């Protein structure tokens, strides 16, 4: 395995782990990490790419993003609501100006990204 491919696989695995953690911890955005994993695997390891594309959890999101179909309005609303609920709870727990500012920037960036993704006509 070439060094470039090895680094992409490692980055993809780490990114996927962060995406999985993001399902539980709303401070970490799941979708960008999973999409990064998909991009890394698609250029470095066919087996991992195939596995991720067949994943019961992540395959629909990856395919919708790759084909430009977008995500449903309900998924956008749920994601943004879950994101900001977790961020606000984290801000209230830490009560640190730096953390507040950092989480706000992350929240705004993720929210803007989600709003810019095409919205499917029918919610699924």
N, C-alpha and C. Protein backbone atom coordinates (compact mmCIF):
# COMPACT_ATOMS: atom_id res chain seq x y z
N UNK A 1 0.86 -1.18 0.00
CA UNK A 1 0.00 0.00 0.00
C UNK A 1 0.90 1.24 0.00
N UNK A 2 0.60 2.16 -0.89
CA UNK A 2 1.40 3.38 -0.96
C UNK A 2 1.15 4.23 0.28
N UNK A 3 2.12 5.07 0.59
CA UNK A 3 2.03 5.92 1.77
C UNK A 3 0.81 6.84 1.67
N UNK A 4 0.57 7.40 0.49
CA UNK A 4 -0.58 8.29 0.31
C UNK A 4 -1.88 7.55 0.63
N UNK A 5 -2.02 6.34 0.11
CA UNK A 5 -3.22 5.55 0.37
C UNK A 5 -3.35 5.20 1.85
N UNK A 6 -2.24 4.86 2.47
CA UNK A 6 -2.24 4.54 3.90
C UNK A 6 -2.70 5.74 4.72
N UNK A 7 -2.16 6.91 4.40
CA UNK A 7 -2.56 8.13 5.12
C UNK A 7 -4.04 8.43 4.90
N UNK A 8 -4.53 8.22 3.68
CA UNK A 8 -5.95 8.45 3.40
C UNK A 8 -6.84 7.47 4.16
N UNK A 9 -6.41 6.22 4.25
CA UNK A 9 -7.17 5.23 5.02
C UNK A 9 -7.20 5.61 6.50
N UNK A 10 -6.05 5.99 7.04
CA UNK A 10 -5.98 6.39 8.45
C UNK A 10 -6.87 7.61 8.69
N UNK A 11 -6.77 8.61 7.81
CA UNK A 11 -7.62 9.80 7.94
C UNK A 11 -9.10 9.42 7.84
N UNK A 12 -9.42 8.53 6.92
CA UNK A 12 -10.80 8.09 6.76
C UNK A 12 -11.33 7.37 7.98
N UNK A 13 -10.52 6.50 8.56
CA UNK A 13 -10.94 5.76 9.76
C UNK A 13 -11.11 6.72 10.94
N UNK A 14 -10.15 7.61 11.15
CA UNK A 14 -10.25 8.58 12.24
C UNK A 14 -11.49 9.46 12.05
N UNK A 15 -11.70 9.89 10.83
CA UNK A 15 -12.86 10.74 10.52
C UNK A 15 -14.17 9.98 10.77
N UNK A 16 -14.21 8.72 10.40
CA UNK A 16 -15.42 7.93 10.62
C UNK A 16 -15.67 7.72 12.11
N UNK A 17 -14.61 7.50 12.87
CA UNK A 17 -14.76 7.37 14.32
C UNK A 17 -15.31 8.67 14.91
N UNK A 18 -14.78 9.81 14.47
CA UNK A 18 -15.29 11.09 14.95
C UNK A 18 -16.75 11.28 14.55
N UNK A 19 -17.11 10.82 13.34
CA UNK A 19 -18.50 10.88 12.91
C UNK A 19 -19.40 10.03 13.78
N UNK A 20 -18.93 8.85 14.15
CA UNK A 20 -19.70 7.98 15.04
C UNK A 20 -19.86 8.61 16.43
N UNK A 21 -18.78 9.20 16.92
CA UNK A 21 -18.85 9.89 18.21
C UNK A 21 -19.83 11.07 18.11
N UNK A 22 -19.86 11.71 16.94
CA UNK A 22 -20.76 12.83 16.72
C UNK A 22 -22.23 12.47 16.79
N UNK A 23 -22.55 11.20 16.59
CA UNK A 23 -23.94 10.76 16.74
C UNK A 23 -24.37 10.91 18.20
N UNK A 24 -23.43 10.67 19.11
CA UNK A 24 -23.73 10.73 20.54
C UNK A 24 -23.48 12.13 21.09
N UNK A 25 -22.40 12.76 20.66
CA UNK A 25 -22.04 14.10 21.14
C UNK A 25 -22.35 15.14 20.07
N UNK A 26 -23.37 15.94 20.29
CA UNK A 26 -23.77 16.90 19.26
C UNK A 26 -22.75 18.00 18.97
N UNK A 27 -21.69 18.08 19.78
CA UNK A 27 -20.67 19.09 19.53
C UNK A 27 -19.90 18.74 18.26
N UNK A 28 -19.80 17.44 17.95
CA UNK A 28 -19.12 17.00 16.74
C UNK A 28 -20.14 16.79 15.64
N UNK A 29 -19.96 17.44 14.51
CA UNK A 29 -20.90 17.23 13.41
C UNK A 29 -20.62 15.90 12.71
N UNK A 30 -21.61 15.05 12.64
CA UNK A 30 -21.45 13.72 12.07
C UNK A 30 -21.23 13.75 10.56
N UNK A 31 -22.10 14.43 9.84
CA UNK A 31 -22.10 14.37 8.38
C UNK A 31 -20.77 14.77 7.74
N UNK A 32 -20.15 15.89 8.12
CA UNK A 32 -18.88 16.24 7.46
C UNK A 32 -17.80 15.18 7.67
N UNK A 33 -17.76 14.58 8.86
CA UNK A 33 -16.75 13.55 9.11
C UNK A 33 -17.02 12.31 8.27
N UNK A 34 -18.27 11.92 8.15
CA UNK A 34 -18.60 10.74 7.35
C UNK A 34 -18.31 11.01 5.87
N UNK A 35 -18.64 12.20 5.40
CA UNK A 35 -18.35 12.54 4.00
C UNK A 35 -16.85 12.59 3.74
N UNK A 36 -16.08 13.06 4.72
CA UNK A 36 -14.62 13.05 4.58
C UNK A 36 -14.12 11.61 4.50
N UNK A 37 -14.68 10.74 5.32
CA UNK A 37 -14.31 9.33 5.26
C UNK A 37 -14.62 8.75 3.88
N UNK A 38 -15.80 9.07 3.37
CA UNK A 38 -16.18 8.56 2.05
C UNK A 38 -15.21 9.04 0.98
N UNK A 39 -14.81 10.29 1.05
CA UNK A 39 -13.86 10.83 0.07
C UNK A 39 -12.50 10.15 0.20
N UNK A 40 -12.05 9.95 1.43
CA UNK A 40 -10.75 9.28 1.64
C UNK A 40 -10.78 7.85 1.14
N UNK A 41 -11.83 7.12 1.48
CA UNK A 41 -11.92 5.71 1.09
C UNK A 41 -12.10 5.56 -0.42
N UNK A 42 -12.82 6.49 -1.05
CA UNK A 42 -13.08 6.35 -2.48
C UNK A 42 -11.81 6.45 -3.32
N UNK A 43 -10.80 7.14 -2.80
CA UNK A 43 -9.56 7.28 -3.56
C UNK A 43 -8.44 6.37 -3.06
N UNK A 44 -8.65 5.70 -1.92
CA UNK A 44 -7.55 4.93 -1.35
C UNK A 44 -7.81 3.44 -1.18
N UNK A 45 -9.05 3.05 -0.93
CA UNK A 45 -9.31 1.66 -0.59
C UNK A 45 -10.71 1.25 -1.05
N UNK A 46 -10.78 0.46 -2.09
CA UNK A 46 -12.07 0.06 -2.66
C UNK A 46 -12.91 -0.73 -1.67
N UNK A 47 -12.30 -1.61 -0.88
CA UNK A 47 -13.07 -2.41 0.08
C UNK A 47 -13.74 -1.53 1.13
N UNK A 48 -13.01 -0.58 1.67
CA UNK A 48 -13.60 0.32 2.66
C UNK A 48 -14.66 1.22 2.03
N UNK A 49 -14.40 1.66 0.80
CA UNK A 49 -15.39 2.48 0.09
C UNK A 49 -16.68 1.69 -0.13
N UNK A 50 -16.55 0.46 -0.58
CA UNK A 50 -17.73 -0.39 -0.78
C UNK A 50 -18.46 -0.64 0.53
N UNK A 51 -17.71 -0.91 1.59
CA UNK A 51 -18.32 -1.15 2.90
C UNK A 51 -19.10 0.07 3.38
N UNK A 52 -18.51 1.24 3.25
CA UNK A 52 -19.18 2.46 3.70
C UNK A 52 -20.41 2.76 2.85
N UNK A 53 -20.31 2.53 1.56
CA UNK A 53 -21.46 2.77 0.66
C UNK A 53 -22.62 1.82 0.94
N UNK A 54 -22.32 0.64 1.49
CA UNK A 54 -23.38 -0.33 1.82
C UNK A 54 -23.85 -0.20 3.26
N UNK A 55 -23.24 0.68 4.01
CA UNK A 55 -23.59 0.85 5.42
C UNK A 55 -25.06 1.22 5.57
N UNK A 56 -25.73 0.51 6.45
CA UNK A 56 -27.15 0.77 6.70
C UNK A 56 -27.38 2.19 7.22
N UNK A 57 -26.47 2.67 8.01
CA UNK A 57 -26.62 3.99 8.64
C UNK A 57 -26.21 5.13 7.71
N UNK A 58 -25.04 5.01 7.10
CA UNK A 58 -24.46 6.14 6.38
C UNK A 58 -24.68 6.14 4.88
N UNK A 59 -24.97 5.00 4.29
CA UNK A 59 -25.08 4.92 2.83
C UNK A 59 -26.08 5.90 2.22
N UNK A 60 -27.29 6.03 2.78
CA UNK A 60 -28.24 6.97 2.17
C UNK A 60 -27.75 8.43 2.17
N UNK A 61 -27.10 8.84 3.24
CA UNK A 61 -26.60 10.21 3.32
C UNK A 61 -25.47 10.45 2.32
N UNK A 62 -24.57 9.48 2.22
CA UNK A 62 -23.45 9.61 1.29
C UNK A 62 -23.96 9.65 -0.14
N UNK A 63 -24.88 8.75 -0.48
CA UNK A 63 -25.40 8.68 -1.84
C UNK A 63 -26.17 9.94 -2.21
N UNK A 64 -27.00 10.41 -1.30
CA UNK A 64 -27.76 11.64 -1.56
C UNK A 64 -26.83 12.83 -1.75
N UNK A 65 -25.76 12.88 -0.99
CA UNK A 65 -24.81 13.98 -1.12
C UNK A 65 -24.04 13.87 -2.43
N UNK A 66 -23.58 12.67 -2.76
CA UNK A 66 -22.80 12.46 -3.98
C UNK A 66 -23.61 12.74 -5.24
N UNK A 67 -24.87 12.34 -5.24
CA UNK A 67 -25.70 12.51 -6.44
C UNK A 67 -26.34 13.89 -6.49
N UNK A 68 -26.18 14.67 -5.44
CA UNK A 68 -26.77 16.01 -5.43
C UNK A 68 -28.25 16.03 -5.15
N UNK A 69 -28.80 14.91 -4.66
CA UNK A 69 -30.23 14.87 -4.34
C UNK A 69 -30.56 15.70 -3.11
N UNK A 70 -29.57 15.91 -2.25
CA UNK A 70 -29.79 16.71 -1.06
C UNK A 70 -30.32 15.89 0.09
N UNK A 71 -30.76 16.60 1.13
CA UNK A 71 -31.32 15.94 2.30
C UNK A 71 -32.70 16.53 2.57
N UNK A 72 -33.49 15.77 3.28
CA UNK A 72 -34.86 16.20 3.52
C UNK A 72 -34.93 17.39 4.48
N UNK A 73 -36.00 18.12 4.38
CA UNK A 73 -36.23 19.27 5.26
C UNK A 73 -36.26 18.81 6.72
N UNK A 74 -36.89 17.67 6.98
CA UNK A 74 -36.96 17.15 8.35
C UNK A 74 -35.58 16.82 8.89
N UNK A 75 -34.71 16.26 8.06
CA UNK A 75 -33.35 15.97 8.50
C UNK A 75 -32.59 17.26 8.79
N UNK A 76 -32.79 18.27 7.97
CA UNK A 76 -32.13 19.56 8.22
C UNK A 76 -32.60 20.16 9.54
N UNK A 77 -33.89 20.20 9.74
CA UNK A 77 -34.44 20.77 10.98
C UNK A 77 -33.96 19.98 12.19
N UNK A 78 -34.02 18.66 12.09
CA UNK A 78 -33.56 17.82 13.20
C UNK A 78 -32.09 18.00 13.49
N UNK A 79 -31.28 18.05 12.44
CA UNK A 79 -29.83 18.21 12.62
C UNK A 79 -29.48 19.55 13.26
N UNK A 80 -30.10 20.60 12.76
CA UNK A 80 -29.81 21.94 13.30
C UNK A 80 -30.31 22.05 14.74
N UNK A 81 -31.47 21.52 15.01
CA UNK A 81 -32.01 21.56 16.37
C UNK A 81 -31.12 20.77 17.33
N UNK A 82 -30.75 19.57 16.94
CA UNK A 82 -29.89 18.73 17.77
C UNK A 82 -28.53 19.38 17.97
N UNK A 83 -27.97 19.95 16.91
CA UNK A 83 -26.69 20.63 16.98
C UNK A 83 -26.72 21.75 18.01
N UNK A 84 -27.69 22.66 17.86
CA UNK A 84 -27.73 23.83 18.73
C UNK A 84 -28.12 23.48 20.16
N UNK A 85 -28.92 22.46 20.34
CA UNK A 85 -29.24 22.02 21.70
C UNK A 85 -27.97 21.56 22.40
N UNK A 86 -27.19 20.74 21.73
CA UNK A 86 -25.94 20.27 22.30
C UNK A 86 -24.93 21.38 22.53
N UNK A 87 -24.85 22.30 21.59
CA UNK A 87 -23.92 23.42 21.74
C UNK A 87 -24.30 24.31 22.91
N UNK A 88 -25.57 24.62 23.03
CA UNK A 88 -26.02 25.48 24.12
C UNK A 88 -25.81 24.82 25.47
N UNK A 89 -26.10 23.52 25.55
CA UNK A 89 -25.85 22.80 26.81
C UNK A 89 -24.36 22.85 27.14
N UNK A 90 -23.53 22.62 26.15
CA UNK A 90 -22.08 22.67 26.37
C UNK A 90 -21.64 24.06 26.81
N UNK A 91 -22.21 25.09 26.21
CA UNK A 91 -21.87 26.47 26.59
C UNK A 91 -22.27 26.76 28.03
N UNK A 92 -23.46 26.28 28.42
CA UNK A 92 -23.94 26.51 29.78
C UNK A 92 -23.09 25.75 30.80
N UNK A 93 -22.62 24.58 30.44
CA UNK A 93 -21.80 23.79 31.36
C UNK A 93 -20.42 24.41 31.54
N UNK A 94 -19.80 24.83 30.44
CA UNK A 94 -18.43 25.35 30.51
C UNK A 94 -18.37 26.79 30.99
N UNK A 95 -19.28 27.61 30.55
CA UNK A 95 -19.33 29.04 30.92
C UNK A 95 -17.98 29.73 30.73
N UNK A 96 -17.33 29.42 29.61
CA UNK A 96 -16.05 30.02 29.27
C UNK A 96 -16.22 30.79 27.97
N UNK A 97 -15.72 32.02 27.96
CA UNK A 97 -15.88 32.87 26.79
C UNK A 97 -15.26 32.24 25.54
N UNK A 98 -14.06 31.68 25.68
CA UNK A 98 -13.39 31.07 24.54
C UNK A 98 -14.21 29.89 23.99
N UNK A 99 -14.69 29.05 24.87
CA UNK A 99 -15.49 27.89 24.45
C UNK A 99 -16.80 28.37 23.82
N UNK A 100 -17.42 29.37 24.41
CA UNK A 100 -18.66 29.93 23.86
C UNK A 100 -18.42 30.42 22.44
N UNK A 101 -17.34 31.18 22.24
CA UNK A 101 -17.04 31.72 20.91
C UNK A 101 -16.73 30.60 19.92
N UNK A 102 -15.93 29.63 20.35
CA UNK A 102 -15.56 28.52 19.47
C UNK A 102 -16.79 27.72 19.06
N UNK A 103 -17.62 27.36 20.02
CA UNK A 103 -18.82 26.58 19.72
C UNK A 103 -19.80 27.37 18.85
N UNK A 104 -19.87 28.66 19.07
CA UNK A 104 -20.74 29.50 18.25
C UNK A 104 -20.28 29.51 16.80
N UNK A 105 -18.99 29.63 16.59
CA UNK A 105 -18.43 29.62 15.23
C UNK A 105 -18.68 28.28 14.56
N UNK A 106 -18.43 27.20 15.29
CA UNK A 106 -18.69 25.86 14.76
C UNK A 106 -20.17 25.70 14.41
N UNK A 107 -21.04 26.12 15.33
CA UNK A 107 -22.48 26.01 15.11
C UNK A 107 -22.95 26.80 13.90
N UNK A 108 -22.46 28.00 13.76
CA UNK A 108 -22.84 28.83 12.62
C UNK A 108 -22.33 28.20 11.32
N UNK A 109 -21.08 27.72 11.33
CA UNK A 109 -20.52 27.09 10.13
C UNK A 109 -21.29 25.86 9.71
N UNK A 110 -21.61 24.99 10.66
CA UNK A 110 -22.36 23.77 10.34
C UNK A 110 -23.77 24.11 9.89
N UNK A 111 -24.39 25.07 10.55
CA UNK A 111 -25.75 25.48 10.17
C UNK A 111 -25.77 26.02 8.75
N UNK A 112 -24.84 26.89 8.42
CA UNK A 112 -24.76 27.45 7.07
C UNK A 112 -24.53 26.33 6.06
N UNK A 113 -23.63 25.41 6.38
CA UNK A 113 -23.37 24.28 5.48
C UNK A 113 -24.64 23.47 5.24
N UNK A 114 -25.35 23.15 6.30
CA UNK A 114 -26.59 22.37 6.16
C UNK A 114 -27.63 23.12 5.34
N UNK A 115 -27.75 24.41 5.55
CA UNK A 115 -28.75 25.19 4.82
C UNK A 115 -28.39 25.33 3.34
N UNK A 116 -27.10 25.24 3.02
CA UNK A 116 -26.68 25.37 1.63
C UNK A 116 -26.85 24.07 0.84
N UNK A 117 -26.97 22.94 1.54
CA UNK A 117 -27.19 21.68 0.85
C UNK A 117 -28.60 21.66 0.29
N UNK A 118 -28.72 21.17 -0.91
CA UNK A 118 -30.03 21.09 -1.57
C UNK A 118 -31.02 20.35 -0.69
N UNK A 119 -32.26 20.84 -0.66
CA UNK A 119 -33.32 20.21 0.11
C UNK A 119 -34.16 19.35 -0.81
N UNK A 120 -34.35 18.09 -0.41
CA UNK A 120 -35.21 17.19 -1.18
C UNK A 120 -36.65 17.72 -1.17
N UNK A 121 -37.35 17.47 -2.24
CA UNK A 121 -38.75 17.93 -2.34
C UNK A 121 -39.64 17.22 -1.34
N UNK A 122 -39.46 15.90 -1.18
CA UNK A 122 -40.28 15.15 -0.25
C UNK A 122 -39.43 14.70 0.92
N UNK A 123 -39.97 14.87 2.12
CA UNK A 123 -39.27 14.40 3.32
C UNK A 123 -39.35 12.89 3.40
N UNK A 124 -38.25 12.30 3.80
CA UNK A 124 -38.23 10.84 3.93
C UNK A 124 -37.79 10.43 5.30
